[in-house]
Amino acid sequence: MQERVAIVTGAGSGIGAATALALAADDWVVVLAGRRREALQAVADRDGPGRLHPVPADVTDESSVRALFDHAVEAYGRVDLLFNNAGRSTPAAEIDAVSLSDWQAVVAVNLTGVFLCTREAFRVMRAQQPQGGRIINNGSLSAQVPRPMSAAYTATKHAVTGLTRSTSLDGRPYGIACGQIDVGNAATEMTDRMALGVLQADGSVRPEPRMAAEDVARAVVYMASLPLDANVAHLTVLATTMPYVGRG
């Protein structure tokens, strides 16, 4: 049987690293994409069977993304899965205090980066034989509802939902399935502040519970394991008691 090949962006830490390790444990060959070679190599070194392969790449750079996918095809023959996981945020700020540079930096990673990687995955998946593949986008709960003072992050994550749905529709003729996972409070560096206390919609500051990044990884592996004639269009996984359902 031909090996299944995945590309995971933002793979140097957090959800990306946990998902790459979980995919490798499920017998995927995984290309680890991220800007920091040392971080990618540290993740690869945790994989005993040697199924994780670091490839430094910047998802905001068109030529870098093209080189990432060309490398995967040259090395492994195809791409069966893309997990668009790379993302960034900005410090909490009211919208009139958000600088244009901060806005553009978030858009570049969270939206343009997802677009560039999706475009390359689509190009590869429609041309390869057997045709097709799967794209999974990390949307975040902010793709559904905002946190206070998060205009840039929330706007990009809502936009990811639109891109997910468009890709799902446009991929039908080519056997390309696309779905989205919205994650709430996975225990990563990005959410460390939530354990200490984070601003709530009522103006209070309260700590929030978190869940292991490995719990998210298992959900992604499930989505990836389906045959291409089945698709999880949208999945939400969150810390059970976080203030999301009912907003309290």
Protein backbone atom coordinates (compact mmCIF):
# COMPACT_ATOMS: atom_id res chain seq x y z
CA MET A 1 0.00 0.00 0.00
CA GLN A 2 1.14 3.53 -0.78
CA GLU A 3 2.11 5.51 2.30
CA ARG A 4 -0.18 8.34 3.40
CA VAL A 5 1.59 11.69 3.37
CA ALA A 6 0.58 14.70 5.49
CA ILE A 7 1.79 18.28 5.78
CA VAL A 8 1.23 19.99 9.15
CA THR A 9 1.88 23.72 9.44
CA GLY A 10 2.78 25.34 12.75
CA ALA A 11 4.26 21.97 13.64
CA GLY A 12 7.01 23.16 15.95
CA SER A 13 4.86 23.36 19.07
CA GLY A 14 1.39 23.05 20.57
CA ILE A 15 -1.43 21.54 18.56
CA GLY A 16 0.71 21.18 15.46
CA ALA A 17 3.39 19.16 17.24
CA ALA A 18 0.84 16.99 19.06
CA THR A 19 -1.05 16.33 15.83
CA ALA A 20 2.09 15.47 13.88
CA LEU A 21 3.09 12.94 16.54
CA ALA A 22 -0.41 11.44 16.58
CA LEU A 23 -0.46 11.12 12.79
CA ALA A 24 2.95 9.44 12.83
CA ALA A 25 1.66 6.99 15.43
CA ASP A 26 -1.18 6.24 12.99
CA ASP A 27 1.39 5.40 10.29
CA TRP A 28 1.35 8.67 8.36
CA VAL A 29 4.50 10.17 6.91
CA VAL A 30 4.40 13.77 8.15
CA VAL A 31 6.16 16.83 6.78
CA LEU A 32 6.63 19.28 9.64
CA ALA A 33 6.33 22.88 8.44
CA GLY A 34 7.25 25.93 10.45
CA ARG A 35 9.68 28.82 10.56
CA ARG A 36 11.99 27.49 13.30
CA ARG A 37 14.15 24.58 12.16
CA GLU A 38 15.30 23.80 15.72
CA ALA A 39 11.73 23.51 17.00
CA LEU A 40 10.73 21.27 14.09
CA GLN A 41 13.75 19.03 14.64
CA ALA A 42 12.94 18.75 18.35
CA VAL A 43 9.48 17.45 17.45
CA ALA A 44 10.91 15.04 14.87
CA ASP A 45 13.35 13.68 17.45
CA ARG A 46 10.39 12.60 19.61
CA ASP A 47 9.20 10.21 16.88
CA GLY A 48 10.85 6.81 17.26
CA PRO A 49 9.92 5.33 13.85
CA GLY A 50 11.29 8.40 12.06
CA ARG A 51 8.11 9.31 10.21
CA LEU A 52 8.38 13.06 10.94
CA HIS A 53 10.39 15.17 8.49
CA PRO A 54 11.15 18.86 9.22
CA VAL A 55 10.91 21.33 6.34
CA PRO A 56 11.28 24.98 7.39
CA ALA A 57 8.69 27.13 5.63
CA ASP A 58 6.95 30.48 6.02
CA VAL A 59 3.23 30.18 5.28
CA THR A 60 3.02 33.90 4.51
CA ASP A 61 5.55 33.60 1.67
CA GLU A 62 4.24 32.32 -1.67
CA SER A 63 7.54 30.88 -2.90
CA SER A 64 8.23 29.22 0.45
CA VAL A 65 4.84 27.50 0.42
CA ARG A 66 5.36 26.32 -3.16
CA ALA A 67 8.77 24.91 -2.22
CA LEU A 68 7.22 23.11 0.77
CA PHE A 69 4.72 21.25 -1.37
CA ASP A 70 7.20 20.60 -4.16
CA HIS A 71 9.53 19.05 -1.57
CA ALA A 72 6.77 16.77 -0.28
CA VAL A 73 5.89 15.58 -3.77
CA GLU A 74 9.52 15.05 -4.77
CA ALA A 75 10.33 13.17 -1.56
CA TYR A 76 7.15 11.13 -1.07
CA GLY A 77 5.24 11.23 -4.35
CA ARG A 78 2.03 12.86 -3.17
CA VAL A 79 0.17 14.80 -0.46
CA ASP A 80 -2.88 13.16 1.11
CA LEU A 81 -3.50 15.55 3.99
CA LEU A 82 -2.90 19.20 4.81
CA PHE A 83 -3.52 20.40 8.36
CA ASN A 84 -3.61 24.20 8.20
CA ASN A 85 -2.66 24.86 11.80
CA ALA A 86 -0.24 27.80 11.78
CA GLY A 87 -1.73 30.85 13.47
CA ARG A 88 -0.97 33.90 15.55
CA SER A 89 -2.77 36.49 17.64
CA THR A 90 -2.10 39.97 19.02
CA PRO A 91 -2.37 41.38 22.54
CA ALA A 92 -5.95 42.20 23.54
CA ALA A 93 -6.86 45.70 22.35
CA GLU A 94 -9.98 47.67 21.51
CA ILE A 95 -10.38 48.01 17.77
CA ASP A 96 -9.36 51.67 17.67
CA ALA A 97 -6.05 50.71 19.29
CA VAL A 98 -5.19 47.96 16.77
CA SER A 99 -2.33 49.11 14.55
CA LEU A 100 -2.40 48.39 10.83
CA SER A 101 0.85 46.45 11.16
CA ASP A 102 -0.65 44.17 13.84
CA TRP A 103 -3.79 43.67 11.72
CA GLN A 104 -1.77 42.81 8.63
CA ALA A 105 0.49 40.41 10.54
CA VAL A 106 -2.49 38.41 11.81
CA VAL A 107 -4.15 38.39 8.38
CA ALA A 108 -0.89 37.26 6.76
CA VAL A 109 -0.62 34.11 8.90
CA ASN A 110 -4.21 33.23 9.78
CA LEU A 111 -5.83 33.90 6.42
CA THR A 112 -3.30 34.43 3.64
CA GLY A 113 -1.19 31.55 4.97
CA VAL A 114 -4.19 29.22 4.97
CA PHE A 115 -5.06 30.36 1.44
CA LEU A 116 -1.52 29.82 0.10
CA CYS A 117 -1.23 26.35 1.62
CA THR A 118 -4.73 25.40 0.49
CA ARG A 119 -4.00 26.58 -3.04
CA GLU A 120 -0.85 24.45 -3.23
CA ALA A 121 -2.58 21.43 -1.71
CA PHE A 122 -5.41 21.78 -4.22
CA ARG A 123 -2.90 21.99 -7.08
CA VAL A 124 -1.13 18.82 -5.96
CA MET A 125 -4.20 16.81 -4.96
CA ARG A 126 -6.14 17.35 -8.19
CA ALA A 127 -3.14 16.31 -10.32
CA GLN A 128 -1.92 13.25 -8.40
CA GLN A 129 -3.01 9.66 -8.94
CA PRO A 130 -5.02 8.42 -7.17
CA GLN A 131 -6.61 11.85 -7.28
CA GLY A 132 -7.76 13.74 -4.21
CA GLY A 133 -6.87 14.37 -0.60
CA ARG A 134 -8.06 16.12 2.55
CA ILE A 135 -7.55 19.60 3.95
CA ILE A 136 -8.32 20.33 7.62
CA ASN A 137 -8.30 23.93 8.82
CA ASN A 138 -7.79 24.96 12.44
CA GLY A 139 -10.52 27.53 12.91
CA SER A 140 -10.68 28.18 16.69
CA LEU A 141 -13.79 28.96 18.70
CA SER A 142 -13.20 32.53 17.54
CA ALA A 143 -14.51 31.37 14.17
CA GLN A 144 -17.88 31.12 15.94
CA VAL A 145 -17.87 33.81 18.65
CA PRO A 146 -15.33 36.49 19.63
CA ARG A 147 -13.43 37.10 22.78
CA PRO A 148 -13.32 40.70 23.98
CA MET A 149 -10.79 42.89 22.19
CA SER A 150 -9.84 40.36 19.50
CA ALA A 151 -10.96 42.01 16.25
CA ALA A 152 -8.08 40.87 14.04
CA TYR A 153 -7.95 37.28 15.29
CA THR A 154 -11.73 36.86 15.22
CA ALA A 155 -12.09 38.35 11.74
CA THR A 156 -9.45 36.04 10.28
CA LYS A 157 -10.93 32.95 11.91
CA HIS A 158 -14.40 33.79 10.58
CA ALA A 159 -12.78 34.16 7.17
CA VAL A 160 -11.20 30.71 7.52
CA THR A 161 -14.71 29.26 7.81
CA GLY A 162 -15.62 30.84 4.49
CA LEU A 163 -12.46 29.49 2.88
CA THR A 164 -13.15 26.04 4.32
CA ARG A 165 -16.62 25.96 2.83
CA SER A 166 -15.48 27.27 -0.55
CA THR A 167 -12.68 24.72 -0.69
CA SER A 168 -15.07 21.93 0.26
CA LEU A 169 -17.40 22.92 -2.56
CA ASP A 170 -14.71 23.47 -5.18
CA GLY A 171 -12.92 20.25 -4.24
CA ARG A 172 -15.88 17.97 -4.95
CA PRO A 173 -15.03 17.21 -8.60
CA TYR A 174 -11.48 16.20 -7.66
CA GLY A 175 -12.02 14.10 -4.55
CA ILE A 176 -10.69 16.85 -2.28
CA ALA A 177 -12.47 16.96 1.09
CA CYS A 178 -12.13 19.98 3.34
CA GLY A 179 -13.25 20.38 6.94
CA GLN A 180 -12.62 22.60 9.93
CA ILE A 181 -11.85 21.96 13.58
CA ASP A 182 -12.65 24.73 16.07
CA VAL A 183 -10.55 24.39 19.20
CA GLY A 184 -11.22 25.93 22.61
CA ASN A 185 -8.48 26.23 25.23
CA ALA A 186 -5.95 23.61 24.27
CA ALA A 187 -3.01 23.79 26.67
CA THR A 188 -0.33 25.46 24.54
CA GLU A 189 1.97 28.45 24.92
CA MET A 190 -0.67 30.61 23.25
CA THR A 191 -3.18 29.84 26.02
CA ASP A 192 -0.87 29.99 29.04
CA ARG A 193 -2.40 33.32 30.04
CA MET A 194 -5.85 31.73 30.27
CA ALA A 195 -4.78 29.59 33.19
CA LEU A 196 -3.76 32.75 35.06
CA GLY A 197 -6.78 34.85 34.17
CA VAL A 198 -8.26 36.23 30.97
CA LEU A 199 -10.73 39.02 30.21
CA GLN A 200 -14.37 37.92 30.02
CA ALA A 201 -17.28 39.52 28.18
CA ASP A 202 -18.68 40.91 31.47
CA GLY A 203 -15.44 42.77 32.16
CA SER A 204 -14.17 40.39 34.82
CA VAL A 205 -10.85 38.56 34.63
CA ARG A 206 -11.03 34.86 35.43
CA PRO A 207 -8.83 31.80 34.89
CA GLU A 208 -10.18 29.28 32.39
CA PRO A 209 -9.70 25.50 32.28
CA ARG A 210 -7.70 23.99 29.47
CA MET A 211 -7.45 20.57 27.84
CA ALA A 212 -4.44 18.67 26.55
CA ALA A 213 -3.30 19.41 23.00
CA GLU A 214 -3.23 15.64 22.51
CA ASP A 215 -7.04 15.61 22.82
CA VAL A 216 -7.22 17.91 19.80
CA ALA A 217 -4.71 15.76 17.96
CA ARG A 218 -6.89 12.68 18.36
CA ALA A 219 -9.81 14.56 16.85
CA VAL A 220 -7.72 15.61 13.85
CA VAL A 221 -6.52 12.04 13.35
CA TYR A 222 -10.13 10.88 13.33
CA MET A 223 -11.05 13.46 10.68
CA ALA A 224 -8.01 12.44 8.64
CA SER A 225 -8.78 8.72 8.91
CA LEU A 226 -12.08 8.87 7.04
CA PRO A 227 -12.31 7.72 3.43
CA LEU A 228 -12.58 10.60 0.97
CA ASP A 229 -16.25 9.89 0.34
CA ALA A 230 -16.93 10.92 3.97
CA ASN A 231 -16.06 14.27 5.55
CA VAL A 232 -16.35 16.02 8.89
CA ALA A 233 -17.35 19.46 7.67
CA HIS A 234 -17.11 21.14 11.07
CA LEU A 235 -16.04 19.85 14.48
CA THR A 236 -15.76 21.69 17.78
CA VAL A 237 -13.55 20.38 20.58
CA LEU A 238 -13.10 22.36 23.79
CA ALA A 239 -12.30 22.18 27.46
CA THR A 240 -15.57 20.94 28.95
CA THR A 241 -16.08 23.63 31.59
CA MET A 242 -14.63 26.66 29.80
CA PRO A 243 -16.98 29.66 29.56
CA TYR A 244 -18.23 29.10 26.05
CA VAL A 245 -21.49 27.14 26.10
CA GLY A 246 -23.96 29.63 27.58
CA ARG A 247 -21.04 32.05 27.97
CA GLY A 248 -20.61 31.24 31.62
